[in-house]
């Protein structure tokens, strides 16, 4: 059985948790921040768990 290649792009964006779920950072925090409220920007700082609908595909490109 050959080794599986990890998608390097995905590896830089997602981390596996202890239970095997995928942790990611939220989008919309890079630019055009003046019109976004302080509360909204503060909530975008926190990491979140990848949705279960995408997790199956993500685990295939992140085998290790």
C-alpha atoms as a PDB file:
ATOM      1  CA  UNK A   1       0.000   0.000   0.000  1.00  0.00           C
ATOM      2  CA  UNK A   2       1.612   3.321  -1.018  1.00  0.00           C
ATOM      3  CA  UNK A   3       1.792   6.313   1.257  1.00  0.00           C
ATOM      4  CA  UNK A   4      -0.943   8.931   0.908  1.00  0.00           C
ATOM      5  CA  UNK A   5       0.003  12.499   0.151  1.00  0.00           C
ATOM      6  CA  UNK A   6      -1.243  15.257   2.414  1.00  0.00           C
ATOM      7  CA  UNK A   7      -2.701  18.337   0.748  1.00  0.00           C
ATOM      8  CA  UNK A   8      -0.244  20.988   1.947  1.00  0.00           C
ATOM      9  CA  UNK A   9      -2.752  23.795   1.359  1.00  0.00           C
ATOM     10  CA  UNK A  10      -5.246  22.098   3.689  1.00  0.00           C
ATOM     11  CA  UNK A  11      -2.557  21.193   6.241  1.00  0.00           C
ATOM     12  CA  UNK A  12      -1.755  24.892   6.685  1.00  0.00           C
ATOM     13  CA  UNK A  13      -5.411  25.787   7.275  1.00  0.00           C
ATOM     14  CA  UNK A  14      -6.732  22.922   9.416  1.00  0.00           C
ATOM     15  CA  UNK A  15      -5.543  21.192  12.588  1.00  0.00           C
ATOM     16  CA  UNK A  16      -6.859  17.920  13.958  1.00  0.00           C
ATOM     17  CA  UNK A  17      -8.218  17.922  17.513  1.00  0.00           C
ATOM     18  CA  UNK A  18      -7.744  15.080  19.969  1.00  0.00           C
ATOM     19  CA  UNK A  19     -11.103  13.571  19.030  1.00  0.00           C
ATOM     20  CA  UNK A  20     -10.311  13.723  15.292  1.00  0.00           C
ATOM     21  CA  UNK A  21     -12.409  16.763  14.411  1.00  0.00           C
ATOM     22  CA  UNK A  22     -10.949  19.540  12.262  1.00  0.00           C
ATOM     23  CA  UNK A  23     -10.309  22.990  13.709  1.00  0.00           C
ATOM     24  CA  UNK A  24     -10.204  26.058  11.445  1.00  0.00           C
ATOM     25  CA  UNK A  25     -10.041  29.825  11.703  1.00  0.00           C
ATOM     26  CA  UNK A  26     -12.989  31.934  10.581  1.00  0.00           C
ATOM     27  CA  UNK A  27     -13.050  33.876   7.310  1.00  0.00           C
ATOM     28  CA  UNK A  28     -13.655  37.631   6.665  1.00  0.00           C
ATOM     29  CA  UNK A  29     -10.959  38.926   9.053  1.00  0.00           C
ATOM     30  CA  UNK A  30      -8.311  40.050   6.551  1.00  0.00           C
ATOM     31  CA  UNK A  31      -9.424  43.390   5.087  1.00  0.00           C
ATOM     32  CA  UNK A  32     -12.285  45.934   4.878  1.00  0.00           C
ATOM     33  CA  UNK A  33     -12.477  45.921   8.669  1.00  0.00           C
ATOM     34  CA  UNK A  34     -13.693  49.507   9.122  1.00  0.00           C
ATOM     35  CA  UNK A  35     -17.346  48.728   8.422  1.00  0.00           C
ATOM     36  CA  UNK A  36     -17.391  45.619  10.640  1.00  0.00           C
ATOM     37  CA  UNK A  37     -18.352  46.054  14.268  1.00  0.00           C
ATOM     38  CA  UNK A  38     -15.862  45.440  17.086  1.00  0.00           C
ATOM     39  CA  UNK A  39     -17.991  42.567  18.360  1.00  0.00           C
ATOM     40  CA  UNK A  40     -18.032  40.914  14.939  1.00  0.00           C
ATOM     41  CA  UNK A  41     -14.248  41.254  14.537  1.00  0.00           C
ATOM     42  CA  UNK A  42     -13.681  39.866  18.036  1.00  0.00           C
ATOM     43  CA  UNK A  43     -15.797  36.786  17.267  1.00  0.00           C
ATOM     44  CA  UNK A  44     -13.882  36.206  14.013  1.00  0.00           C
ATOM     45  CA  UNK A  45     -10.653  35.757  16.015  1.00  0.00           C
ATOM     46  CA  UNK A  46     -11.830  32.514  17.581  1.00  0.00           C
ATOM     47  CA  UNK A  47     -11.245  29.123  15.996  1.00  0.00           C
ATOM     48  CA  UNK A  48     -14.194  26.867  15.196  1.00  0.00           C
ATOM     49  CA  UNK A  49     -14.855  23.255  14.230  1.00  0.00           C
ATOM     50  CA  UNK A  50     -15.271  22.390  10.533  1.00  0.00           C
ATOM     51  CA  UNK A  51     -18.853  21.484   9.636  1.00  0.00           C
ATOM     52  CA  UNK A  52     -19.630  17.753   9.505  1.00  0.00           C
ATOM     53  CA  UNK A  53     -20.766  17.988   5.857  1.00  0.00           C
ATOM     54  CA  UNK A  54     -17.226  18.994   4.813  1.00  0.00           C
ATOM     55  CA  UNK A  55     -15.277  16.957   7.371  1.00  0.00           C
ATOM     56  CA  UNK A  56     -15.442  13.662   5.458  1.00  0.00           C
ATOM     57  CA  UNK A  57     -13.808  15.171   2.361  1.00  0.00           C
ATOM     58  CA  UNK A  58     -11.283  17.095   4.445  1.00  0.00           C
ATOM     59  CA  UNK A  59     -10.128  13.964   6.277  1.00  0.00           C
ATOM     60  CA  UNK A  60      -9.363  12.320   2.934  1.00  0.00           C
ATOM     61  CA  UNK A  61      -6.902  15.082   1.963  1.00  0.00           C
ATOM     62  CA  UNK A  62      -5.484  15.199   5.519  1.00  0.00           C
ATOM     63  CA  UNK A  63      -4.717  11.515   6.144  1.00  0.00           C
ATOM     64  CA  UNK A  64      -2.143  12.031   8.946  1.00  0.00           C
END
